Structure formats: structure tokens, C-alpha cells
Amino acid sequence: MFVIPAKAGIQFVKCSSKKRKNFLDPGLRRDDETKEKQLGENQMFPLLTDFQLPDDFFQTAQKYLTGLARLNESLNLISFETEDVLWEHVVDSLQILRHPLEEETPRVIDVGTGGGFPGIPLAIARPTWTVDLLDATQKKQLAVESLVKEMHLKNANTLWARAEDLARTDQRESYTIALSRAVGRLSTVLELTLPLVKQGGFCLLHRGLDTPAETQTIAHALEVLGGRLHASIPYRFPQHTADRFIVVVEKTHPTSSTHPRRPGLPAKRPL
């Protein structure tokens, strides 16, 4: 089988890094009200003011980041130096919500989830969504699975597989939304995500400052994969000098049976 649910079994390791003490010392964990105030002081919170979030969002997200920091000591799931950097990943993940979604209970897949971004913050923010967290690295998925269980996050599931292989199973064209913060050519990311999305669904992709130029290069990929460029939604973090974007691609017709190509080819030979 291509799809293998990850099993719990990662052991938490004691953190010795002083710079991360604020995550691991329970006495230093912040409640929701304090976290909102801190994000406001750091000028990140305004990027969340347009979104309705559950009352326990910051508390649950803090629990996630605490566990992620602990696991990161041995697994290198994500690079960060301070708590603010991890919270920036959370805030960045939620920018997906800038795209209005009519369906209240979508089926969502996060392709290349790594340490759980953007899928886990979105699963916390939207309890009615079902979010599958996909990654090809088994030890990462074991770690993410342990975090999901620790948080009792019932609407998130982990999948261990390559996107190219998953799209050859009954999961093909079954998702309402595909997400990805993956680094690489936009056409490559589209080949890994669009085949998983059903007609009428969307790929919502985090992209960087080159987005206006790279969206001009994907016409062939969209034709082959069955999509159309719907929007590029810009946003900017305070004190950053460049916009980031959510690229929105609508699935307009079925993906050709020849795609995605075998594992590795989408990156080696981009459309």
C-alpha cells in the first residue's frame, strides 16, 4: 500500500537549549489572552484580525509549538531560533483563510507537511475541516502523529507516502483543498497537488516574492493538470520588505492519467 498511517512511538527528549526554555518550562507557558497581547506587540496579530478563531486556539497552538520544539531537538523538523519565529509559521499558515471557502466541512490535504505547517494550525483553527498531513519521510510522520495525539486533534490524520504515489490510489481527485508550503518550482508543486484535488476544488499554495513572475510560466502545467489560476493573494509581515502570496488554483477538469509522473520526475523535469 502507498498510504501508511504513521504510528505513535517517538520518545520526547529533554531540551537543553536555553533559548527554547520558554517552550518547555510549564511555568512560562502563556494563556490565550497573553499570547494575543504578545502577538500584537510583535505586530503579527493584525494578520489574524480578519479570521474567526476558536476560543482555545492560542492555547492549543501553544501546546503544539511546545511539543514541536521538544521533538525538534532530535529530529530537526523545522529551523527556528526563537518562539516568535515559530509563531510566525503559525500566523503564516493561517493566511490560507484569506481565500473564502463556501464548504464548511472540506477534505484537505497538506502535501509535504514536514513539522505540520500549514496543516496543523489550520486544523486547530477550523475544527470542521478534515486535514490529512502528508509527508514522504516516515520519522517526520511519526513525530507529527505523536503531536496530533498529544493535542487530541481529532480532525487531523497523518499519511506516509509520496504525493506521486498517493495520486495513483483511490485518494486521487478526492480532496476539496490541497495545501503546500513546499519550496520548488510552482509547476512542480502543482503536479504534486492538483491530481489530488477534485473538480471544483482548489490548490492553496504559499509562495514567495517571485510569485508574479512564476505565475506567468505555468500555462502548460495548468493545461495538463486540469487547473486555472484563480488568484494570487498578497500579504506582508510587518518589518518584512517583500510580499508573500497565497496562489489559488482552481481544479477545472480531471488531470491527465499520465500525471503525476513517477516519483522524482516532477522536480527533475518540471512541466
Protein backbone atom coordinates (compact mmCIF):
# COMPACT_ATOMS: atom_id res chain seq x y z
CA MET A 1 0.00 0.00 0.00
CA PHE A 2 1.13 3.50 -0.74
CA VAL A 3 -0.72 5.12 2.14
CA ILE A 4 0.60 4.10 5.54
CA PRO A 5 -0.85 5.83 8.63
CA ALA A 6 2.03 6.80 10.89
CA LYS A 7 2.18 5.17 14.31
CA ALA A 8 2.97 6.81 17.60
CA GLY A 9 6.25 5.90 19.21
CA ILE A 10 8.52 8.93 19.17
CA GLN A 11 10.03 9.49 22.58
CA PHE A 12 10.18 13.05 23.87
CA VAL A 13 13.71 14.18 24.59
CA LYS A 14 14.72 16.63 27.28
CA CYS A 15 15.58 20.04 25.87
CA SER A 16 18.88 21.52 26.98
CA SER A 17 18.82 24.66 24.84
CA LYS A 18 18.38 27.81 26.92
CA LYS A 19 16.93 29.76 24.01
CA ARG A 20 13.96 27.35 23.94
CA LYS A 21 13.32 27.21 27.67
CA ASN A 22 10.14 29.27 27.33
CA PHE A 23 8.54 26.41 25.38
CA LEU A 24 9.44 23.61 27.74
CA ASP A 25 9.03 25.16 31.19
CA PRO A 26 5.29 24.89 32.04
CA GLY A 27 5.62 27.88 34.31
CA LEU A 28 6.49 30.04 31.34
CA ARG A 29 3.69 28.97 29.01
CA ARG A 30 1.27 31.77 28.17
CA ASP A 31 -2.52 31.74 28.20
CA ASP A 32 -4.57 32.85 25.21
CA GLU A 33 -5.05 36.45 26.31
CA THR A 34 -1.35 36.96 26.97
CA LYS A 35 -0.42 35.34 23.66
CA GLU A 36 -2.78 37.64 21.76
CA LYS A 37 -1.18 40.61 23.51
CA GLN A 38 2.32 39.35 22.71
CA LEU A 39 1.48 38.84 19.03
CA GLY A 40 0.02 42.32 18.94
CA GLU A 41 3.18 43.77 20.43
CA ASN A 42 5.21 41.89 17.82
CA GLN A 43 2.95 43.28 15.08
CA MET A 44 1.94 39.81 13.87
CA PHE A 45 -1.53 39.77 15.38
CA PRO A 46 -3.06 42.21 12.86
CA LEU A 47 -2.59 39.48 10.23
CA LEU A 48 -5.13 37.40 12.19
CA THR A 49 -7.78 40.01 12.94
CA ASP A 50 -9.90 39.13 9.89
CA PHE A 51 -10.18 35.48 10.92
CA GLN A 52 -12.63 33.96 13.38
CA LEU A 53 -10.67 31.59 15.60
CA PRO A 54 -11.85 29.16 18.30
CA ASP A 55 -11.65 30.38 21.88
CA ASP A 56 -8.93 27.85 22.69
CA PHE A 57 -6.90 28.45 19.53
CA PHE A 58 -3.85 30.07 21.14
CA GLN A 59 -3.77 27.57 24.00
CA THR A 60 -3.88 24.60 21.61
CA ALA A 61 -1.39 26.17 19.21
CA GLN A 62 1.00 26.81 22.11
CA LYS A 63 0.75 23.16 23.09
CA TYR A 64 1.59 22.20 19.51
CA LEU A 65 4.61 24.51 19.39
CA THR A 66 5.84 23.26 22.77
CA GLY A 67 5.78 19.67 21.55
CA LEU A 68 7.27 20.60 18.19
CA ALA A 69 10.19 22.39 19.85
CA ARG A 70 10.84 19.38 22.06
CA LEU A 71 10.81 16.91 19.18
CA ASN A 72 12.90 19.25 17.07
CA GLU A 73 15.85 18.75 19.41
CA SER A 74 16.46 15.33 17.91
CA LEU A 75 14.60 15.33 14.58
CA ASN A 76 15.27 18.76 13.03
CA LEU A 77 11.69 19.14 11.85
CA ILE A 78 11.96 22.89 11.39
CA SER A 79 14.63 25.58 11.67
CA PHE A 80 14.00 28.28 14.25
CA GLU A 81 15.84 30.33 16.86
CA THR A 82 13.09 32.00 18.89
CA GLU A 83 9.46 31.47 19.87
CA ASP A 84 8.46 34.40 17.66
CA VAL A 85 9.75 32.53 14.61
CA LEU A 86 7.54 29.54 15.38
CA TRP A 87 4.54 31.78 15.93
CA GLU A 88 5.29 33.43 12.60
CA HIS A 89 4.93 29.98 11.00
CA VAL A 90 1.52 29.65 12.66
CA VAL A 91 0.38 33.08 11.51
CA ASP A 92 1.71 32.39 8.01
CA SER A 93 -0.17 29.08 7.89
CA LEU A 94 -3.46 30.80 8.65
CA GLN A 95 -3.13 33.18 5.70
CA ILE A 96 -4.78 30.37 3.71
CA LEU A 97 -8.01 31.64 5.28
CA ARG A 98 -7.76 34.76 3.11
CA HIS A 99 -9.36 32.64 0.39
CA PRO A 100 -13.10 32.38 1.15
CA LEU A 101 -14.40 28.83 1.25
CA GLU A 102 -18.10 28.06 0.93
CA GLU A 103 -17.88 24.43 2.06
CA GLU A 104 -17.94 24.13 5.85
CA THR A 105 -16.57 20.58 6.06
CA PRO A 106 -13.91 20.31 3.35
CA ARG A 107 -11.49 17.44 3.00
CA VAL A 108 -7.99 18.96 2.98
CA ILE A 109 -4.51 17.57 2.31
CA ASP A 110 -1.25 19.24 3.31
CA VAL A 111 1.38 17.98 0.86
CA GLY A 112 4.90 17.91 2.33
CA THR A 113 3.76 18.83 5.83
CA GLY A 114 7.18 18.47 7.49
CA GLY A 115 6.60 19.51 11.11
CA GLY A 116 2.91 20.14 10.49
CA PHE A 117 2.74 23.52 8.74
CA PRO A 118 0.31 24.69 7.49
CA GLY A 119 -1.97 21.72 8.20
CA ILE A 120 -1.94 21.57 11.99
CA PRO A 121 -2.58 25.28 12.65
CA LEU A 122 -5.45 25.14 10.15
CA ALA A 123 -6.88 22.01 11.76
CA ILE A 124 -6.83 23.83 15.10
CA ALA A 125 -8.41 26.94 13.59
CA ARG A 126 -11.08 25.04 11.66
CA PRO A 127 -12.39 22.06 13.67
CA THR A 128 -14.94 21.19 10.96
CA TRP A 129 -12.21 20.59 8.39
CA THR A 130 -10.70 17.13 7.94
CA VAL A 131 -6.97 17.62 7.36
CA ASP A 132 -4.63 14.90 6.09
CA LEU A 133 -0.93 15.61 6.73
CA LEU A 134 1.18 14.01 4.00
CA ASP A 135 4.94 13.54 4.03
CA ALA A 136 7.32 11.04 2.44
CA THR A 137 9.69 10.90 5.44
CA GLN A 138 8.50 8.31 7.93
CA LYS A 139 10.28 9.65 11.01
CA LYS A 140 8.71 13.06 10.45
CA GLN A 141 5.30 11.49 10.22
CA LEU A 142 5.85 9.53 13.42
CA ALA A 143 6.70 12.80 15.14
CA VAL A 144 3.70 14.65 13.71
CA GLU A 145 1.42 11.75 14.64
CA SER A 146 2.61 11.94 18.23
CA LEU A 147 1.83 15.69 18.31
CA VAL A 148 -1.65 15.15 16.86
CA LYS A 149 -2.39 12.53 19.52
CA GLU A 150 -0.95 14.67 22.30
CA MET A 151 -3.29 17.53 21.33
CA HIS A 152 -6.29 15.20 20.86
CA LEU A 153 -6.70 16.80 17.45
CA LYS A 154 -9.43 14.55 16.07
CA ASN A 155 -9.77 16.25 12.69
CA ALA A 156 -6.13 15.70 11.63
CA ASN A 157 -4.62 12.48 10.23
CA THR A 158 -1.11 11.60 9.12
CA LEU A 159 -0.23 9.84 5.88
CA TRP A 160 3.20 8.47 4.98
CA ALA A 161 3.62 8.41 1.20
CA ARG A 162 4.94 10.31 -1.76
CA ALA A 163 2.39 12.57 -3.40
CA GLU A 164 3.11 10.95 -6.77
CA ASP A 165 2.17 7.55 -5.36
CA LEU A 166 -0.83 8.74 -3.38
CA ALA A 167 -2.32 10.18 -6.57
CA ARG A 168 -2.33 6.64 -8.04
CA THR A 169 -4.64 5.36 -5.28
CA ASP A 170 -8.31 5.93 -4.54
CA GLN A 171 -7.28 9.25 -2.98
CA ARG A 172 -6.83 10.74 -6.44
CA GLU A 173 -9.12 13.72 -7.06
CA SER A 174 -10.82 13.23 -3.69
CA TYR A 175 -9.84 16.41 -1.80
CA THR A 176 -11.56 19.78 -1.69
CA ILE A 177 -8.31 21.61 -0.97
CA ALA A 178 -4.62 20.81 -1.35
CA LEU A 179 -2.09 22.89 0.58
CA SER A 180 1.66 23.16 0.29
CA ARG A 181 4.42 25.38 1.63
CA ALA A 182 6.97 23.38 -0.35
CA VAL A 183 9.98 25.10 -1.85
CA GLY A 184 10.47 24.47 -5.56
CA ARG A 185 9.11 25.43 -8.94
CA LEU A 186 5.44 26.29 -8.91
CA SER A 187 4.80 23.87 -11.78
CA THR A 188 6.38 21.07 -9.72
CA VAL A 189 4.22 21.85 -6.69
CA LEU A 190 1.15 21.90 -8.93
CA GLU A 191 1.98 18.46 -10.33
CA LEU A 192 2.15 17.11 -6.77
CA THR A 193 -1.09 18.72 -5.59
CA LEU A 194 -3.63 19.21 -8.41
CA PRO A 195 -4.05 15.46 -9.16
CA LEU A 196 -5.29 15.03 -5.57
CA VAL A 197 -7.98 17.73 -5.87
CA LYS A 198 -11.50 17.05 -7.09
CA GLN A 199 -13.10 19.13 -9.82
CA GLY A 200 -14.28 22.43 -8.33
CA GLY A 201 -11.69 22.26 -5.56
CA PHE A 202 -8.60 24.39 -5.07
CA CYS A 203 -4.86 24.29 -4.52
CA LEU A 204 -3.88 26.96 -1.99
CA LEU A 205 -0.12 27.37 -2.13
CA HIS A 206 2.21 29.51 -0.06
CA ARG A 207 4.67 31.26 -2.36
CA GLY A 208 7.35 33.92 -2.12
CA LEU A 209 8.30 37.22 -3.71
CA ASP A 210 8.83 35.71 -7.21
CA THR A 211 5.15 34.78 -7.48
CA PRO A 212 4.14 37.45 -10.05
CA ALA A 213 6.83 36.18 -12.43
CA GLU A 214 6.40 32.45 -11.85
CA THR A 215 2.64 32.53 -12.35
CA GLN A 216 3.40 33.63 -15.92
CA THR A 217 5.20 30.32 -16.57
CA ILE A 218 2.58 27.74 -15.60
CA ALA A 219 0.13 27.80 -18.52
CA HIS A 220 1.29 24.40 -19.85
CA ALA A 221 1.23 22.81 -16.40
CA LEU A 222 -2.31 24.06 -15.79
CA GLU A 223 -3.49 22.71 -19.13
CA VAL A 224 -2.02 19.25 -18.46
CA LEU A 225 -3.08 19.08 -14.82
CA GLY A 226 -6.58 20.46 -15.22
CA GLY A 227 -6.48 23.80 -13.47
CA ARG A 228 -6.68 27.53 -13.91
CA LEU A 229 -5.07 30.35 -11.99
CA HIS A 230 -7.81 31.85 -9.84
CA ALA A 231 -5.90 34.45 -7.79
CA SER A 232 -2.62 35.44 -6.18
CA ILE A 233 -3.39 36.90 -2.77
CA PRO A 234 -0.60 39.11 -1.37
CA TYR A 235 0.16 39.75 2.29
CA ARG A 236 3.15 41.06 4.18
CA PHE A 237 4.54 40.57 7.64
CA PRO A 238 5.42 43.77 9.48
CA GLN A 239 9.12 44.60 9.28
CA HIS A 240 9.46 42.42 6.16
CA THR A 241 10.30 44.14 2.90
CA ALA A 242 8.57 41.83 0.42
CA ASP A 243 5.10 40.40 -0.05
CA ARG A 244 4.26 36.76 0.31
CA PHE A 245 1.41 35.21 -1.65
CA ILE A 246 -1.26 32.57 -1.50
CA VAL A 247 -1.56 31.24 -5.04
CA VAL A 248 -5.08 29.95 -5.66
CA VAL A 249 -5.53 27.42 -8.47
CA GLU A 250 -8.96 26.02 -9.23
CA LYS A 251 -9.38 22.43 -10.45
CA THR A 252 -11.46 22.83 -13.60
CA HIS A 253 -11.23 19.39 -15.21
CA PRO A 254 -9.73 15.96 -14.49
CA THR A 255 -5.96 15.58 -14.52
CA SER A 256 -4.49 13.60 -17.40
CA SER A 257 -3.89 9.96 -16.49
CA THR A 258 -0.22 10.47 -17.36
CA HIS A 259 0.25 12.77 -14.36
CA PRO A 260 1.72 12.99 -11.88
CA ARG A 261 4.74 11.30 -13.35
CA ARG A 262 6.78 8.75 -11.39
CA PRO A 263 8.44 9.91 -8.15
CA GLY A 264 11.21 12.45 -8.68
CA LEU A 265 10.34 13.46 -12.24
CA PRO A 266 8.16 16.46 -11.36
CA ALA A 267 11.18 18.08 -9.73
CA LYS A 268 13.78 16.88 -12.23
CA ARG A 269 11.77 17.75 -15.34
CA PRO A 270 9.25 20.48 -14.43
CA LEU A 271 6.31 20.98 -16.75
